[in-house]
Amino acid sequence: MANVSATEQIMGGGALLILVVTDLIGDIVADEYSISRVTWIFAVAVLAAIWANSMAGKTMLTPYRPTMIVLGYGTVVLVLRELISDIESSRGLGSYNIVYALAAYAGALLIGYGAYRMARSQ
């Protein structure tokens, strides 16, 4: 993975933040906070695309940059929906829930920022 750019590292870090902290720890281990499965799929797709692009001689079925931009902006939209849902929910966010929610928001911001950098560099 030595040929992964800084932008891809930012996006991958955001996806890992969503998957590890919010989903694995927050949902599966602690059963405190969960994100939508579509958000989870987008985060996995970001990591899969970065991995596929970094492999020598491997090509993706779709153009890499547009795919990453759509995945990045799509993740931001999905997590914004989660934020609105969290604000509207009557359950309230406990002290641990807020950590998991903030991890999802931060991860989406990193993925979105990486998508913005990719879109700007074209």
Protein backbone atom coordinates (compact mmCIF):
# COMPACT_ATOMS: atom_id res chain seq x y z
CA MET A 1 0.00 0.00 0.00
CA ALA A 2 3.01 2.23 -0.47
CA ASN A 3 1.42 3.85 -3.52
CA VAL A 4 -1.59 5.26 -1.66
CA SER A 5 -1.80 9.05 -1.90
CA ALA A 6 -2.36 11.39 1.03
CA THR A 7 -5.92 12.02 -0.15
CA GLU A 8 -6.62 8.29 -0.22
CA GLN A 9 -5.12 7.96 3.25
CA ILE A 10 -7.46 10.69 4.52
CA MET A 11 -10.48 8.98 2.98
CA GLY A 12 -9.38 5.56 4.22
CA GLY A 13 -8.85 6.91 7.72
CA GLY A 14 -12.35 8.37 7.73
CA ALA A 15 -13.83 5.10 6.54
CA LEU A 16 -11.93 3.17 9.21
CA LEU A 17 -13.13 5.63 11.86
CA ILE A 18 -16.73 4.97 10.84
CA LEU A 19 -16.28 1.20 10.61
CA VAL A 20 -14.13 0.56 13.66
CA VAL A 21 -15.23 3.11 16.25
CA THR A 22 -18.85 3.70 15.30
CA ASP A 23 -19.87 0.32 13.94
CA LEU A 24 -17.58 -2.27 15.50
CA ILE A 25 -17.19 -0.74 18.97
CA GLY A 26 -20.30 1.42 19.21
CA ASP A 27 -22.79 -0.99 17.69
CA ILE A 28 -21.46 -4.53 17.88
CA VAL A 29 -19.43 -4.46 21.12
CA ALA A 30 -21.19 -1.83 23.24
CA ASP A 31 -24.64 -1.97 21.58
CA GLU A 32 -24.95 1.77 22.17
CA TYR A 33 -25.03 3.55 18.80
CA SER A 34 -25.45 2.41 15.23
CA ILE A 35 -25.32 3.89 11.76
CA SER A 36 -27.40 2.94 8.74
CA ARG A 37 -26.28 -0.03 6.69
CA VAL A 38 -26.05 2.18 3.60
CA THR A 39 -23.49 4.38 5.37
CA TRP A 40 -21.61 1.22 6.33
CA ILE A 41 -21.64 0.03 2.71
CA PHE A 42 -20.30 3.38 1.49
CA ALA A 43 -17.44 3.26 4.03
CA VAL A 44 -16.57 -0.31 2.99
CA ALA A 45 -16.76 0.72 -0.69
CA VAL A 46 -14.30 3.57 -0.05
CA LEU A 47 -11.80 1.14 1.49
CA ALA A 48 -12.35 -1.45 -1.24
CA ALA A 49 -11.82 1.13 -3.99
CA ILE A 50 -8.62 2.41 -2.38
CA TRP A 51 -7.35 -1.16 -2.01
CA ALA A 52 -8.27 -2.10 -5.59
CA ASN A 53 -6.63 1.04 -6.97
CA SER A 54 -3.44 0.46 -4.99
CA MET A 55 -2.96 -3.06 -6.33
CA ALA A 56 -0.54 -3.13 -9.26
CA GLY A 57 -2.17 -4.19 -12.49
CA LYS A 58 -5.72 -4.19 -11.12
CA THR A 59 -8.39 -2.06 -12.73
CA MET A 60 -11.82 -1.11 -11.48
CA LEU A 61 -15.01 -1.47 -13.48
CA THR A 62 -15.71 2.25 -13.07
CA PRO A 63 -13.39 5.26 -13.35
CA TYR A 64 -11.60 5.62 -10.02
CA ARG A 65 -11.75 9.37 -9.36
CA PRO A 66 -15.47 9.88 -10.13
CA THR A 67 -16.29 6.78 -8.09
CA MET A 68 -14.38 8.08 -5.08
CA ILE A 69 -15.93 11.53 -5.40
CA VAL A 70 -19.46 10.08 -5.49
CA LEU A 71 -18.70 7.75 -2.58
CA GLY A 72 -17.19 10.61 -0.59
CA TYR A 73 -19.99 13.09 -1.09
CA GLY A 74 -22.57 10.33 -0.69
CA THR A 75 -21.10 9.38 2.69
CA VAL A 76 -21.32 12.99 3.84
CA VAL A 77 -24.98 13.20 2.82
CA LEU A 78 -25.79 9.93 4.59
CA VAL A 79 -24.06 10.95 7.81
CA LEU A 80 -25.75 14.36 7.70
CA ARG A 81 -29.00 12.42 7.65
CA GLU A 82 -27.76 10.52 10.71
CA LEU A 83 -26.97 13.84 12.41
CA ILE A 84 -30.44 15.20 11.72
CA SER A 85 -31.94 11.95 13.01
CA ASP A 86 -29.82 12.17 16.16
CA ILE A 87 -30.91 15.76 16.77
CA GLU A 88 -34.58 14.91 16.24
CA SER A 89 -34.55 11.67 18.22
CA SER A 90 -36.10 11.64 21.61
CA ARG A 91 -33.68 9.02 22.92
CA GLY A 92 -30.97 11.59 23.53
CA LEU A 93 -27.31 10.82 23.15
CA GLY A 94 -25.65 9.52 26.29
CA SER A 95 -21.98 10.15 27.06
CA TYR A 96 -20.81 7.07 25.17
CA ASN A 97 -23.27 7.54 22.32
CA ILE A 98 -21.89 11.00 21.67
CA VAL A 99 -18.38 9.55 21.20
CA TYR A 100 -19.61 7.04 18.63
CA ALA A 101 -21.73 9.66 16.87
CA LEU A 102 -18.83 12.12 16.75
CA ALA A 103 -16.61 9.38 15.30
CA ALA A 104 -19.14 8.86 12.50
CA TYR A 105 -19.38 12.62 11.85
CA ALA A 106 -15.58 13.02 11.87
CA GLY A 107 -15.12 10.02 9.59
CA ALA A 108 -17.62 11.42 7.11
CA LEU A 109 -15.89 14.80 7.20
CA LEU A 110 -12.55 13.14 6.41
CA ILE A 111 -14.06 11.14 3.55
CA GLY A 112 -15.82 14.26 2.24
CA TYR A 113 -12.65 16.31 2.50
CA GLY A 114 -10.76 13.66 0.54
CA ALA A 115 -13.50 13.67 -2.12
CA TYR A 116 -13.26 17.46 -2.30
CA ARG A 117 -9.47 17.23 -2.76
CA MET A 118 -9.93 14.66 -5.53
CA ALA A 119 -12.57 16.76 -7.28
CA ARG A 120 -10.42 19.88 -7.01
CA SER A 121 -7.31 18.18 -8.40
CA GLN A 122 -8.97 17.12 -11.67
